[in-house]
Structure formats: structure tokens, C-alpha cells
Amino acid sequence: ADAMDAFAAATAKPGAIATLIAPADVGWD
């Protein structure tokens, strides 16, 4: 859901840089 919020922020007009920080355990758990 965080990644989809990043996608929405990046694709909002006129375009943006969205940075999602991914702690290792949040990815592997």
C-alpha cells in the first residue's frame, strides 16, 4: 500500500519523485 501511494505521488500531474525507504526486515518478513 505504501508503494501504491508512491506510485500515485509519482504519477500525479505534472510528475514527481517518490522515494520509499525499505528496511530490510520489512521486505523479508
All heavy atoms as atom14 arrays in JSON, in Angstrom:
{
  "sequence": "ADAMDAFAAATAKPGAIATLIAPADVGWD",
  "atom14_mask": [
    [1, 1, 1, 1, 1, 0, 0, 0, 0, 0, 0, 0, 0, 0],
    [1, 1, 1, 1, 1, 1, 1, 1, 0, 0, 0, 0, 0, 0],
    [1, 1, 1, 1, 1, 0, 0, 0, 0, 0, 0, 0, 0, 0],
    [1, 1, 1, 1, 1, 1, 1, 1, 0, 0, 0, 0, 0, 0],
    [1, 1, 1, 1, 1, 1, 1, 1, 0, 0, 0, 0, 0, 0],
    [1, 1, 1, 1, 1, 0, 0, 0, 0, 0, 0, 0, 0, 0],
    [1, 1, 1, 1, 1, 1, 1, 1, 1, 1, 1, 0, 0, 0],
    [1, 1, 1, 1, 1, 0, 0, 0, 0, 0, 0, 0, 0, 0],
    [1, 1, 1, 1, 1, 0, 0, 0, 0, 0, 0, 0, 0, 0],
    [1, 1, 1, 1, 1, 0, 0, 0, 0, 0, 0, 0, 0, 0],
    [1, 1, 1, 1, 1, 1, 1, 0, 0, 0, 0, 0, 0, 0],
    [1, 1, 1, 1, 1, 0, 0, 0, 0, 0, 0, 0, 0, 0],
    [1, 1, 1, 1, 1, 1, 1, 1, 1, 0, 0, 0, 0, 0],
    [1, 1, 1, 1, 1, 1, 1, 0, 0, 0, 0, 0, 0, 0],
    [1, 1, 1, 1, 0, 0, 0, 0, 0, 0, 0, 0, 0, 0],
    [1, 1, 1, 1, 1, 0, 0, 0, 0, 0, 0, 0, 0, 0],
    [1, 1, 1, 1, 1, 1, 1, 1, 0, 0, 0, 0, 0, 0],
    [1, 1, 1, 1, 1, 0, 0, 0, 0, 0, 0, 0, 0, 0],
    [1, 1, 1, 1, 1, 1, 1, 0, 0, 0, 0, 0, 0, 0],
    [1, 1, 1, 1, 1, 1, 1, 1, 0, 0, 0, 0, 0, 0],
    [1, 1, 1, 1, 1, 1, 1, 1, 0, 0, 0, 0, 0, 0],
    [1, 1, 1, 1, 1, 0, 0, 0, 0, 0, 0, 0, 0, 0],
    [1, 1, 1, 1, 1, 1, 1, 0, 0, 0, 0, 0, 0, 0],
    [1, 1, 1, 1, 1, 0, 0, 0, 0, 0, 0, 0, 0, 0],
    [1, 1, 1, 1, 1, 1, 1, 1, 0, 0, 0, 0, 0, 0],
    [1, 1, 1, 1, 1, 1, 1, 0, 0, 0, 0, 0, 0, 0],
    [1, 1, 1, 1, 0, 0, 0, 0, 0, 0, 0, 0, 0, 0],
    [1, 1, 1, 1, 1, 1, 1, 1, 1, 1, 1, 1, 1, 1],
    [1, 1, 1, 1, 1, 1, 1, 1, 0, 0, 0, 0, 0, 0]
  ],
  "atom14_positions": [
    [[0.84, -1.21, 0.0], [0.0, 0.0, 0.0], [0.87, 1.25, 0.0], [0.55, 2.25, -0.67], [-0.93, -0.01, 1.21], [0.0, 0.0, 0.0], [0.0, 0.0, 0.0], [0.0, 0.0, 0.0], [0.0, 0.0, 0.0], [0.0, 0.0, 0.0], [0.0, 0.0, 0.0], [0.0, 0.0, 0.0], [0.0, 0.0, 0.0], [0.0, 0.0, 0.0]],
    [[1.99, 1.22, 0.74], [2.94, 2.34, 0.68], [3.46, 2.53, -0.73], [3.6, 3.66, -1.22], [4.12, 2.08, 1.63], [3.74, 2.09, 3.1], [2.75, 2.77, 3.46], [4.42, 1.41, 3.89], [0.0, 0.0, 0.0], [0.0, 0.0, 0.0], [0.0, 0.0, 0.0], [0.0, 0.0, 0.0], [0.0, 0.0, 0.0], [0.0, 0.0, 0.0]],
    [[3.76, 1.42, -1.41], [4.27, 1.5, -2.78], [3.23, 2.1, -3.73], [3.57, 2.86, -4.65], [4.7, 0.12, -3.27], [0.0, 0.0, 0.0], [0.0, 0.0, 0.0], [0.0, 0.0, 0.0], [0.0, 0.0, 0.0], [0.0, 0.0, 0.0], [0.0, 0.0, 0.0], [0.0, 0.0, 0.0], [0.0, 0.0, 0.0], [0.0, 0.0, 0.0]],
    [[1.96, 1.77, -3.51], [0.92, 2.35, -4.36], [0.74, 3.84, -4.06], [0.43, 4.63, -4.97], [-0.39, 1.59, -4.18], [-0.37, 0.18, -4.76], [-0.01, 0.12, -6.56], [1.78, -0.1, -6.55], [0.0, 0.0, 0.0], [0.0, 0.0, 0.0], [0.0, 0.0, 0.0], [0.0, 0.0, 0.0], [0.0, 0.0, 0.0], [0.0, 0.0, 0.0]],
    [[0.95, 4.25, -2.82], [0.94, 5.69, -2.52], [2.11, 6.38, -3.23], [1.97, 7.51, -3.72], [1.03, 5.91, -1.01], [-0.27, 5.57, -0.28], [-1.31, 5.43, -0.95], [-0.22, 5.45, 0.96], [0.0, 0.0, 0.0], [0.0, 0.0, 0.0], [0.0, 0.0, 0.0], [0.0, 0.0, 0.0], [0.0, 0.0, 0.0], [0.0, 0.0, 0.0]],
    [[3.27, 5.71, -3.27], [4.4, 6.26, -4.0], [4.09, 6.37, -5.49], [4.42, 7.38, -6.13], [5.64, 5.38, -3.79], [0.0, 0.0, 0.0], [0.0, 0.0, 0.0], [0.0, 0.0, 0.0], [0.0, 0.0, 0.0], [0.0, 0.0, 0.0], [0.0, 0.0, 0.0], [0.0, 0.0, 0.0], [0.0, 0.0, 0.0], [0.0, 0.0, 0.0]],
    [[3.44, 5.36, -6.04], [3.05, 5.39, -7.46], [2.1, 6.55, -7.72], [2.26, 7.29, -8.71], [2.4, 4.06, -7.84], [2.01, 3.98, -9.29], [2.89, 3.48, -10.23], [0.75, 4.39, -9.72], [2.53, 3.4, -11.57], [0.39, 4.32, -11.04], [1.29, 3.82, -11.98], [0.0, 0.0, 0.0], [0.0, 0.0, 0.0], [0.0, 0.0, 0.0]],
    [[1.12, 6.73, -6.84], [0.17, 7.83, -7.02], [0.87, 9.18, -6.96], [0.57, 10.09, -7.75], [-0.92, 7.75, -5.95], [0.0, 0.0, 0.0], [0.0, 0.0, 0.0], [0.0, 0.0, 0.0], [0.0, 0.0, 0.0], [0.0, 0.0, 0.0], [0.0, 0.0, 0.0], [0.0, 0.0, 0.0], [0.0, 0.0, 0.0], [0.0, 0.0, 0.0]],
    [[1.82, 9.34, -6.02], [2.54, 10.6, -5.91], [3.39, 10.86, -7.15], [3.44, 11.98, -7.66], [3.42, 10.58, -4.65], [0.0, 0.0, 0.0], [0.0, 0.0, 0.0], [0.0, 0.0, 0.0], [0.0, 0.0, 0.0], [0.0, 0.0, 0.0], [0.0, 0.0, 0.0], [0.0, 0.0, 0.0], [0.0, 0.0, 0.0], [0.0, 0.0, 0.0]],
    [[4.06, 9.82, -7.65], [4.93, 9.99, -8.82], [4.16, 10.35, -10.07], [4.62, 11.14, -10.91], [5.75, 8.73, -9.04], [0.0, 0.0, 0.0], [0.0, 0.0, 0.0], [0.0, 0.0, 0.0], [0.0, 0.0, 0.0], [0.0, 0.0, 0.0], [0.0, 0.0, 0.0], [0.0, 0.0, 0.0], [0.0, 0.0, 0.0], [0.0, 0.0, 0.0]],
    [[2.98, 9.77, -10.23], [2.22, 9.95, -11.48], [1.24, 11.1, -11.43], [0.6, 11.4, -12.44], [1.47, 8.65, -11.84], [0.64, 8.26, -10.73], [2.45, 7.53, -12.15], [0.0, 0.0, 0.0], [0.0, 0.0, 0.0], [0.0, 0.0, 0.0], [0.0, 0.0, 0.0], [0.0, 0.0, 0.0], [0.0, 0.0, 0.0], [0.0, 0.0, 0.0]],
    [[1.11, 11.76, -10.28], [0.24, 12.95, -10.21], [0.8, 14.02, -11.13], [2.02, 14.17, -11.28], [0.15, 13.45, -8.78], [0.0, 0.0, 0.0], [0.0, 0.0, 0.0], [0.0, 0.0, 0.0], [0.0, 0.0, 0.0], [0.0, 0.0, 0.0], [0.0, 0.0, 0.0], [0.0, 0.0, 0.0], [0.0, 0.0, 0.0], [0.0, 0.0, 0.0]],
    [[-0.08, 14.77, -11.77], [0.34, 15.82, -12.7], [1.09, 16.9, -11.93], [0.62, 17.32, -10.88], [-0.91, 16.4, -13.38], [-0.61, 17.33, -14.53], [-0.11, 16.58, -15.76], [0.36, 17.54, -16.82], [-0.64, 18.13, -17.65], [0.0, 0.0, 0.0], [0.0, 0.0, 0.0], [0.0, 0.0, 0.0], [0.0, 0.0, 0.0], [0.0, 0.0, 0.0]],
    [[2.26, 17.37, -12.35], [2.9, 17.11, -13.64], [3.93, 15.98, -13.63], [4.61, 15.79, -14.63], [3.6, 18.45, -13.9], [4.01, 18.92, -12.54], [2.9, 18.49, -11.62], [0.0, 0.0, 0.0], [0.0, 0.0, 0.0], [0.0, 0.0, 0.0], [0.0, 0.0, 0.0], [0.0, 0.0, 0.0], [0.0, 0.0, 0.0], [0.0, 0.0, 0.0]],
    [[4.06, 15.24, -12.55], [5.09, 14.22, -12.4], [5.97, 14.56, -11.22], [6.26, 15.73, -10.95], [0.0, 0.0, 0.0], [0.0, 0.0, 0.0], [0.0, 0.0, 0.0], [0.0, 0.0, 0.0], [0.0, 0.0, 0.0], [0.0, 0.0, 0.0], [0.0, 0.0, 0.0], [0.0, 0.0, 0.0], [0.0, 0.0, 0.0], [0.0, 0.0, 0.0]],
    [[6.39, 13.54, -10.46], [7.11, 13.8, -9.23], [8.06, 12.65, -8.92], [7.96, 11.56, -9.47], [6.12, 14.02, -8.07], [0.0, 0.0, 0.0], [0.0, 0.0, 0.0], [0.0, 0.0, 0.0], [0.0, 0.0, 0.0], [0.0, 0.0, 0.0], [0.0, 0.0, 0.0], [0.0, 0.0, 0.0], [0.0, 0.0, 0.0], [0.0, 0.0, 0.0]],
    [[8.97, 12.92, -7.98], [9.92, 11.92, -7.5], [9.4, 11.4, -6.16], [9.26, 12.15, -5.19], [11.32, 12.52, -7.31], [11.76, 13.27, -8.57], [12.32, 11.43, -6.94], [11.8, 12.44, -9.82], [0.0, 0.0, 0.0], [0.0, 0.0, 0.0], [0.0, 0.0, 0.0], [0.0, 0.0, 0.0], [0.0, 0.0, 0.0], [0.0, 0.0, 0.0]],
    [[9.11, 10.1, -6.1], [8.6, 9.46, -4.89], [9.66, 8.47, -4.4], [10.1, 7.6, -5.16], [7.29, 8.74, -5.16], [0.0, 0.0, 0.0], [0.0, 0.0, 0.0], [0.0, 0.0, 0.0], [0.0, 0.0, 0.0], [0.0, 0.0, 0.0], [0.0, 0.0, 0.0], [0.0, 0.0, 0.0], [0.0, 0.0, 0.0], [0.0, 0.0, 0.0]],
    [[10.06, 8.6, -3.16], [11.1, 7.75, -2.58], [10.53, 6.98, -1.41], [10.1, 7.58, -0.41], [12.31, 8.59, -2.16], [12.85, 9.26, -3.3], [13.4, 7.71, -1.54], [0.0, 0.0, 0.0], [0.0, 0.0, 0.0], [0.0, 0.0, 0.0], [0.0, 0.0, 0.0], [0.0, 0.0, 0.0], [0.0, 0.0, 0.0], [0.0, 0.0, 0.0]],
    [[10.52, 5.67, -1.54], [10.02, 4.77, -0.49], [11.21, 4.01, 0.1], [11.91, 3.29, -0.62], [9.0, 3.79, -1.08], [8.4, 2.75, -0.13], [7.72, 3.42, 1.07], [7.42, 1.86, -0.87], [0.0, 0.0, 0.0], [0.0, 0.0, 0.0], [0.0, 0.0, 0.0], [0.0, 0.0, 0.0], [0.0, 0.0, 0.0], [0.0, 0.0, 0.0]],
    [[11.42, 4.19, 1.39], [12.55, 3.58, 2.08], [12.11, 2.23, 2.62], [11.04, 2.11, 3.25], [13.07, 4.51, 3.18], [13.56, 5.82, 2.53], [14.18, 3.86, 3.99], [13.58, 7.0, 3.45], [0.0, 0.0, 0.0], [0.0, 0.0, 0.0], [0.0, 0.0, 0.0], [0.0, 0.0, 0.0], [0.0, 0.0, 0.0], [0.0, 0.0, 0.0]],
    [[12.94, 1.21, 2.38], [12.55, -0.17, 2.61], [13.5, -0.83, 3.6], [14.54, -1.38, 3.2], [12.55, -0.93, 1.29], [0.0, 0.0, 0.0], [0.0, 0.0, 0.0], [0.0, 0.0, 0.0], [0.0, 0.0, 0.0], [0.0, 0.0, 0.0], [0.0, 0.0, 0.0], [0.0, 0.0, 0.0], [0.0, 0.0, 0.0], [0.0, 0.0, 0.0]],
    [[13.2, -0.79, 4.91], [14.02, -1.54, 5.87], [14.06, -3.02, 5.5], [13.06, -3.6, 5.05], [13.3, -1.31, 7.2], [12.56, -0.02, 7.01], [12.13, -0.04, 5.58], [0.0, 0.0, 0.0], [0.0, 0.0, 0.0], [0.0, 0.0, 0.0], [0.0, 0.0, 0.0], [0.0, 0.0, 0.0], [0.0, 0.0, 0.0], [0.0, 0.0, 0.0]],
    [[15.22, -3.64, 5.67], [15.42, -5.0, 5.17], [14.39, -5.97, 5.73], [13.86, -6.81, 4.99], [16.84, -5.45, 5.5], [0.0, 0.0, 0.0], [0.0, 0.0, 0.0], [0.0, 0.0, 0.0], [0.0, 0.0, 0.0], [0.0, 0.0, 0.0], [0.0, 0.0, 0.0], [0.0, 0.0, 0.0], [0.0, 0.0, 0.0], [0.0, 0.0, 0.0]],
    [[14.09, -5.87, 7.04], [13.16, -6.85, 7.62], [11.74, -6.65, 7.14], [10.96, -7.61, 7.04], [13.23, -6.84, 9.15], [13.13, -5.45, 9.75], [13.2, -4.46, 9.0], [13.01, -5.34, 10.99], [0.0, 0.0, 0.0], [0.0, 0.0, 0.0], [0.0, 0.0, 0.0], [0.0, 0.0, 0.0], [0.0, 0.0, 0.0], [0.0, 0.0, 0.0]],
    [[11.35, -5.43, 6.8], [10.01, -5.2, 6.25], [9.88, -5.87, 4.89], [8.79, -6.3, 4.5], [9.73, -3.68, 6.15], [8.39, -3.4, 5.48], [9.76, -3.04, 7.54], [0.0, 0.0, 0.0], [0.0, 0.0, 0.0], [0.0, 0.0, 0.0], [0.0, 0.0, 0.0], [0.0, 0.0, 0.0], [0.0, 0.0, 0.0], [0.0, 0.0, 0.0]],
    [[10.99, -6.0, 4.18], [10.97, -6.69, 2.9], [11.03, -8.2, 3.01], [10.35, -8.91, 2.28], [0.0, 0.0, 0.0], [0.0, 0.0, 0.0], [0.0, 0.0, 0.0], [0.0, 0.0, 0.0], [0.0, 0.0, 0.0], [0.0, 0.0, 0.0], [0.0, 0.0, 0.0], [0.0, 0.0, 0.0], [0.0, 0.0, 0.0], [0.0, 0.0, 0.0]],
    [[11.83, -8.72, 3.95], [12.0, -10.17, 4.0], [10.97, -10.88, 4.85], [10.73, -12.08, 4.68], [13.42, -10.55, 4.39], [13.82, -10.37, 5.84], [13.15, -10.81, 6.95], [15.03, -9.75, 6.32], [13.84, -10.49, 8.09], [15.0, -9.85, 7.74], [16.11, -9.13, 5.71], [16.03, -9.33, 8.54], [17.13, -8.63, 6.52], [17.09, -8.72, 7.9]],
    [[10.32, -10.17, 5.8], [9.34, -10.83, 6.67], [8.08, -11.2, 5.9], [7.66, -10.5, 4.96], [8.96, -9.91, 7.83], [10.0, -9.9, 8.94], [10.91, -10.75, 8.89], [9.91, -9.04, 9.84], [0.0, 0.0, 0.0], [0.0, 0.0, 0.0], [0.0, 0.0, 0.0], [0.0, 0.0, 0.0], [0.0, 0.0, 0.0], [0.0, 0.0, 0.0]]
  ]
}
